[in-house]
Amino acid sequence: MAQPKRVFFVSDRTGITVEALGSSLLSQFAEVNLVRVTMPFIDSIDKARDAVAQVNEAHRESGDRPLVFSSIVDDKVRAEINKADGLVLDVFERFIVPLEQELGVKSMHAVGRTHSVGNAKDYNHRIEAINYTLAHDDGVTHRGLEEADIVLVGVSRSGKTPTCLYMAMQFGIKAANYPLIPEDLEANRLPPSLAPLKGKVWGLSITPDRLHHIRSERRPDSRYASLENCRFEVAAAEKLMRQAQIPFLDSTTKSIEEIATHMLHEAHLVRRVY
């Protein structure tokens, strides 16, 4: 069996941006076995040399050139990273330099512009959305629900909380979530507190088998996790949402990113942070 390919994501900040770009590109090579290492805050020549030493050691151990995705802004630090014994894919040189030429303007060469607090408006939107979403997780309070940009409903463990948090963190969207409990399912109606917000309500569903698996990890051998109960809850929740004309998505095979993006697009919500 072939050794896994080593991949390094090198950044002078958190590494989130270069990880996202590199991982998106690598997703086109699903058959390749990869081992990923993120090196954040490589913001000095000494740190860059240490990073290069790790890349070179990986090359010596495996005999295979690692991949290095780099988003270093400082020219001197970037020059050190480019000395690594690997295929160095420099995001700055491949994108910023052509943009400078096309726009006729030099870039700021400022470290951390994407995820820093330098953009106060974006930062405040993100924090406000996260705080709101955490405060309105799992139906813990009805207060302030009218401020929500979107409200997710569905049975317990169908993916509502992670989807809401992703919306808040990545888009600055105030997302509340509300579980459909047995009383709601038996009454076959939305909780009364959500009736005035029907235009903001979206649903999540999931296959009973997947729900059974997830719940069994949390509460094994319980009625809550039983396959019979999961089948009942999913069927009843979907019936309720159809009757109430609540649009819903099946989360079984979709990523959180796909679910959130689809909902925001269909709900015509405007992204508040970039």
Protein backbone atom coordinates (compact mmCIF):
# COMPACT_ATOMS: atom_id res chain seq x y z
CA MET A 1 0.00 0.00 0.00
CA ALA A 2 1.35 3.42 -1.00
CA GLN A 3 2.43 5.79 1.74
CA PRO A 4 0.11 8.73 2.29
CA LYS A 5 1.02 12.03 0.68
CA ARG A 6 1.99 14.67 3.21
CA VAL A 7 0.29 18.03 2.82
CA PHE A 8 1.32 21.17 4.71
CA PHE A 9 -0.82 24.30 5.02
CA VAL A 10 1.45 27.19 5.98
CA SER A 11 0.07 30.57 7.03
CA ASP A 12 1.13 33.72 8.82
CA ARG A 13 -2.28 33.75 10.54
CA THR A 14 -4.77 31.03 11.48
CA GLY A 15 -4.43 28.96 8.30
CA ILE A 16 -8.19 28.83 7.79
CA THR A 17 -8.09 30.44 4.34
CA VAL A 18 -5.25 28.37 2.91
CA GLU A 19 -6.73 25.19 4.41
CA ALA A 20 -10.07 25.90 2.74
CA LEU A 21 -8.50 26.61 -0.64
CA GLY A 22 -6.08 23.69 -0.49
CA SER A 23 -8.70 21.24 0.72
CA SER A 24 -11.10 22.35 -2.02
CA LEU A 25 -8.45 21.62 -4.64
CA LEU A 26 -7.45 18.31 -3.07
CA SER A 27 -11.07 17.15 -2.96
CA GLN A 28 -10.70 16.52 -6.69
CA PHE A 29 -8.20 13.75 -5.90
CA ALA A 30 -10.30 11.55 -3.63
CA GLU A 31 -8.27 8.42 -4.41
CA VAL A 32 -5.08 9.92 -2.95
CA ASN A 33 -4.41 9.15 0.71
CA LEU A 34 -3.38 12.38 2.44
CA VAL A 35 -1.93 13.32 5.82
CA ARG A 36 -2.53 17.02 6.52
CA VAL A 37 -0.53 19.29 8.79
CA THR A 38 -1.44 22.93 9.45
CA MET A 39 1.28 25.40 10.45
CA PRO A 40 -0.32 28.66 11.61
CA PHE A 41 1.38 31.92 12.64
CA ILE A 42 4.52 31.42 10.55
CA ASP A 43 5.31 35.14 10.68
CA SER A 44 9.09 35.27 11.00
CA ILE A 45 12.11 33.92 9.14
CA ASP A 46 13.03 31.66 12.08
CA LYS A 47 9.54 30.14 12.16
CA ALA A 48 9.66 29.72 8.39
CA ARG A 49 12.95 27.84 8.64
CA ASP A 50 11.48 25.53 11.28
CA ALA A 51 8.50 24.89 9.02
CA VAL A 52 10.77 24.14 6.08
CA ALA A 53 12.76 21.71 8.25
CA GLN A 54 9.54 19.78 8.98
CA VAL A 55 8.64 19.64 5.29
CA ASN A 56 12.15 18.49 4.38
CA GLU A 57 12.09 15.81 7.09
CA ALA A 58 8.80 14.50 5.72
CA HIS A 59 10.41 14.34 2.28
CA ARG A 60 13.40 12.39 3.62
CA GLU A 61 11.21 9.95 5.57
CA SER A 62 8.88 9.12 2.70
CA GLY A 63 11.00 9.81 -0.34
CA ASP A 64 7.98 11.59 -1.74
CA ARG A 65 7.76 15.35 -2.17
CA PRO A 66 5.13 16.85 0.15
CA LEU A 67 2.59 19.39 -1.03
CA VAL A 68 2.90 22.81 0.57
CA PHE A 69 0.04 25.31 0.35
CA SER A 70 1.31 28.69 1.52
CA SER A 71 -0.43 32.01 2.18
CA ILE A 72 2.49 34.02 3.53
CA VAL A 73 2.37 37.77 2.89
CA ASP A 74 5.85 38.91 3.96
CA ASP A 75 8.28 38.61 1.03
CA LYS A 76 11.24 37.41 3.12
CA VAL A 77 9.24 34.82 5.04
CA ARG A 78 7.63 33.64 1.82
CA ALA A 79 11.07 33.28 0.19
CA GLU A 80 12.13 30.93 3.00
CA ILE A 81 9.02 28.76 2.60
CA ASN A 82 9.68 28.55 -1.15
CA LYS A 83 12.98 26.76 -0.36
CA ALA A 84 11.14 23.71 0.99
CA ASP A 85 11.70 20.28 -0.61
CA GLY A 86 8.13 20.04 -1.79
CA LEU A 87 5.70 21.32 -4.35
CA VAL A 88 5.09 24.79 -2.94
CA LEU A 89 1.81 26.30 -4.11
CA ASP A 90 2.05 29.94 -3.10
CA VAL A 91 -1.40 31.48 -2.89
CA PHE A 92 0.04 34.97 -2.69
CA GLU A 93 2.16 34.73 -5.84
CA ARG A 94 -0.46 32.83 -7.84
CA PHE A 95 -3.35 35.18 -7.04
CA ILE A 96 -2.28 38.48 -5.48
CA VAL A 97 0.48 39.30 -7.97
CA PRO A 98 -1.77 38.81 -11.05
CA LEU A 99 -4.46 40.85 -9.30
CA GLU A 100 -2.00 43.67 -8.69
CA GLN A 101 -1.13 43.65 -12.37
CA GLU A 102 -4.74 43.58 -13.50
CA LEU A 103 -5.97 46.24 -11.06
CA GLY A 104 -2.93 48.46 -11.42
CA VAL A 105 -2.72 48.79 -7.63
CA LYS A 106 -0.27 47.29 -5.15
CA SER A 107 -1.81 45.14 -2.46
CA MET A 108 -1.51 46.15 1.19
CA HIS A 109 0.79 43.23 2.05
CA ALA A 110 -0.95 43.27 5.42
CA VAL A 111 -0.98 40.08 7.46
CA GLY A 112 -4.30 38.65 8.63
CA ARG A 113 -6.75 40.80 6.69
CA THR A 114 -9.23 37.95 6.17
CA HIS A 115 -9.80 36.73 9.70
CA SER A 116 -8.55 39.62 11.80
CA VAL A 117 -10.63 42.08 13.78
CA GLY A 118 -9.43 44.83 11.45
CA ASN A 119 -12.80 44.90 9.74
CA ALA A 120 -14.78 45.95 12.81
CA LYS A 121 -18.16 45.82 11.08
CA ASP A 122 -17.71 42.21 9.91
CA TYR A 123 -16.27 41.19 13.25
CA ASN A 124 -19.17 42.68 15.20
CA HIS A 125 -21.72 41.04 12.90
CA ARG A 126 -20.05 37.66 13.43
CA ILE A 127 -19.87 37.94 17.22
CA GLU A 128 -23.45 39.23 17.48
CA ALA A 129 -24.73 36.37 15.30
CA ILE A 130 -22.79 33.73 17.27
CA ASN A 131 -24.04 35.06 20.61
CA TYR A 132 -27.63 35.13 19.33
CA THR A 133 -27.40 31.60 17.93
CA LEU A 134 -25.93 30.17 21.14
CA ALA A 135 -28.66 31.90 23.17
CA HIS A 136 -31.39 30.43 20.93
CA ASP A 137 -30.09 26.88 20.61
CA ASP A 138 -32.48 23.97 20.96
CA GLY A 139 -35.47 26.13 21.88
CA VAL A 140 -34.01 27.24 25.22
CA THR A 141 -35.87 30.57 25.02
CA HIS A 142 -38.67 32.19 23.03
CA ARG A 143 -37.46 35.69 23.82
CA GLY A 144 -36.08 37.54 20.83
CA LEU A 145 -37.09 34.88 18.30
CA GLU A 146 -38.51 37.62 16.10
CA GLU A 147 -34.93 38.88 15.62
CA ALA A 148 -33.86 35.63 13.96
CA ASP A 149 -32.94 35.68 10.29
CA ILE A 150 -33.84 32.00 10.05
CA VAL A 151 -35.29 29.37 12.41
CA LEU A 152 -34.49 25.68 11.92
CA VAL A 153 -36.88 23.00 13.12
CA GLY A 154 -36.56 19.24 13.15
CA VAL A 155 -36.31 16.23 15.40
CA SER A 156 -33.53 16.01 17.95
CA ARG A 157 -30.06 15.23 16.47
CA SER A 158 -31.00 16.04 12.87
CA GLY A 159 -28.18 18.59 12.53
CA LYS A 160 -29.85 21.84 13.56
CA THR A 161 -27.24 23.13 16.03
CA PRO A 162 -24.11 22.71 13.85
CA THR A 163 -25.91 24.18 10.84
CA CYS A 164 -27.02 27.23 12.84
CA LEU A 165 -23.53 27.78 14.25
CA TYR A 166 -22.01 27.50 10.78
CA MET A 167 -24.46 30.13 9.49
CA ALA A 168 -23.55 32.45 12.35
CA MET A 169 -19.79 32.00 12.10
CA GLN A 170 -19.42 31.99 8.33
CA PHE A 171 -22.24 34.28 7.21
CA GLY A 172 -23.09 36.44 10.23
CA ILE A 173 -26.67 35.12 10.17
CA LYS A 174 -28.77 35.03 13.35
CA ALA A 175 -29.99 31.45 13.29
CA ALA A 176 -32.22 29.97 15.96
CA ASN A 177 -33.18 26.33 16.18
CA TYR A 178 -36.20 24.69 17.72
CA PRO A 179 -36.68 20.96 18.27
CA LEU A 180 -39.90 19.28 17.27
CA ILE A 181 -40.75 17.37 20.45
CA PRO A 182 -43.23 14.47 20.82
CA GLU A 183 -46.02 16.86 21.86
CA ASP A 184 -45.60 18.83 18.61
CA LEU A 185 -45.52 15.64 16.55
CA GLU A 186 -48.63 14.21 18.22
CA ALA A 187 -50.50 17.50 17.73
CA ASN A 188 -49.20 17.67 14.15
CA ARG A 189 -48.59 21.42 14.34
CA LEU A 190 -45.75 23.89 14.69
CA PRO A 191 -45.06 25.13 18.22
CA PRO A 192 -47.30 28.20 18.81
CA SER A 193 -44.28 30.48 19.35
CA LEU A 194 -43.15 29.79 15.76
CA ALA A 195 -46.48 30.47 14.06
CA PRO A 196 -45.84 34.24 13.63
CA LEU A 197 -42.39 33.46 12.18
CA LYS A 198 -43.51 30.90 9.62
CA GLY A 199 -41.84 32.77 6.77
CA LYS A 200 -38.46 32.35 8.47
CA VAL A 201 -38.84 28.68 9.38
CA TRP A 202 -36.93 25.92 7.60
CA GLY A 203 -36.80 22.26 8.46
CA LEU A 204 -34.15 19.57 8.63
CA SER A 205 -34.90 15.89 8.27
CA ILE A 206 -32.75 12.75 8.32
CA THR A 207 -33.17 9.07 7.54
CA PRO A 208 -34.36 6.96 10.49
CA ASP A 209 -31.36 4.61 10.21
CA ARG A 210 -28.89 7.49 10.43
CA LEU A 211 -30.81 9.09 13.30
CA HIS A 212 -30.83 5.76 15.14
CA HIS A 213 -27.05 5.51 14.75
CA ILE A 214 -26.44 9.07 16.01
CA ARG A 215 -28.80 8.76 18.97
CA SER A 216 -27.42 5.35 19.93
CA GLU A 217 -23.99 6.87 20.41
CA ARG A 218 -25.49 9.41 22.79
CA ARG A 219 -28.09 7.28 24.62
CA PRO A 220 -27.68 3.59 23.71
CA ASP A 221 -30.52 1.14 24.30
CA SER A 222 -33.02 3.90 25.03
CA ARG A 223 -36.47 4.42 23.56
CA TYR A 224 -35.19 7.80 22.36
CA ALA A 225 -32.59 6.02 20.19
CA SER A 226 -34.66 3.01 19.12
CA LEU A 227 -35.10 2.53 15.40
CA GLU A 228 -38.88 2.25 15.83
CA ASN A 229 -39.05 5.62 17.59
CA CYS A 230 -36.71 7.22 15.04
CA ARG A 231 -38.95 6.02 12.22
CA PHE A 232 -42.02 7.45 13.97
CA GLU A 233 -40.42 10.84 14.72
CA VAL A 234 -38.99 11.34 11.23
CA ALA A 235 -42.26 10.41 9.52
CA ALA A 236 -44.31 12.60 11.88
CA ALA A 237 -41.93 15.56 11.54
CA GLU A 238 -41.98 15.41 7.75
CA LYS A 239 -45.77 15.16 7.77
CA LEU A 240 -45.97 18.21 10.05
CA MET A 241 -43.60 20.25 7.88
CA ARG A 242 -45.44 19.36 4.69
CA GLN A 243 -48.80 20.26 6.23
CA ALA A 244 -47.42 23.56 7.55
CA GLN A 245 -45.73 24.18 4.17
CA ILE A 246 -42.32 24.46 5.79
CA PRO A 247 -39.52 23.78 3.29
CA PHE A 248 -37.06 21.17 4.55
CA LEU A 249 -33.86 19.40 3.56
CA ASP A 250 -32.61 15.89 4.26
CA SER A 251 -29.33 16.24 6.15
CA THR A 252 -28.32 12.57 5.84
CA THR A 253 -25.88 12.88 2.95
CA LYS A 254 -25.31 16.64 2.88
CA SER A 255 -22.51 18.54 4.56
CA ILE A 256 -23.24 21.39 6.94
CA GLU A 257 -21.78 23.75 4.34
CA GLU A 258 -24.18 22.47 1.67
CA ILE A 259 -27.21 22.68 3.93
CA ALA A 260 -26.44 26.20 5.14
CA THR A 261 -25.62 27.56 1.69
CA HIS A 262 -28.74 26.03 0.12
CA MET A 263 -31.01 27.43 2.83
CA LEU A 264 -29.52 30.91 2.69
CA HIS A 265 -29.81 30.96 -1.10
CA GLU A 266 -33.41 29.76 -1.13
CA ALA A 267 -34.36 32.07 1.76
CA HIS A 268 -32.75 35.05 -0.03
CA LEU A 269 -30.69 35.95 3.03
CA VAL A 270 -27.77 38.31 2.55
CA ARG A 271 -24.37 37.29 3.85
CA ARG A 272 -23.10 39.78 6.42
CA VAL A 273 -19.46 38.72 6.83
CA TYR A 274 -16.71 37.72 4.40
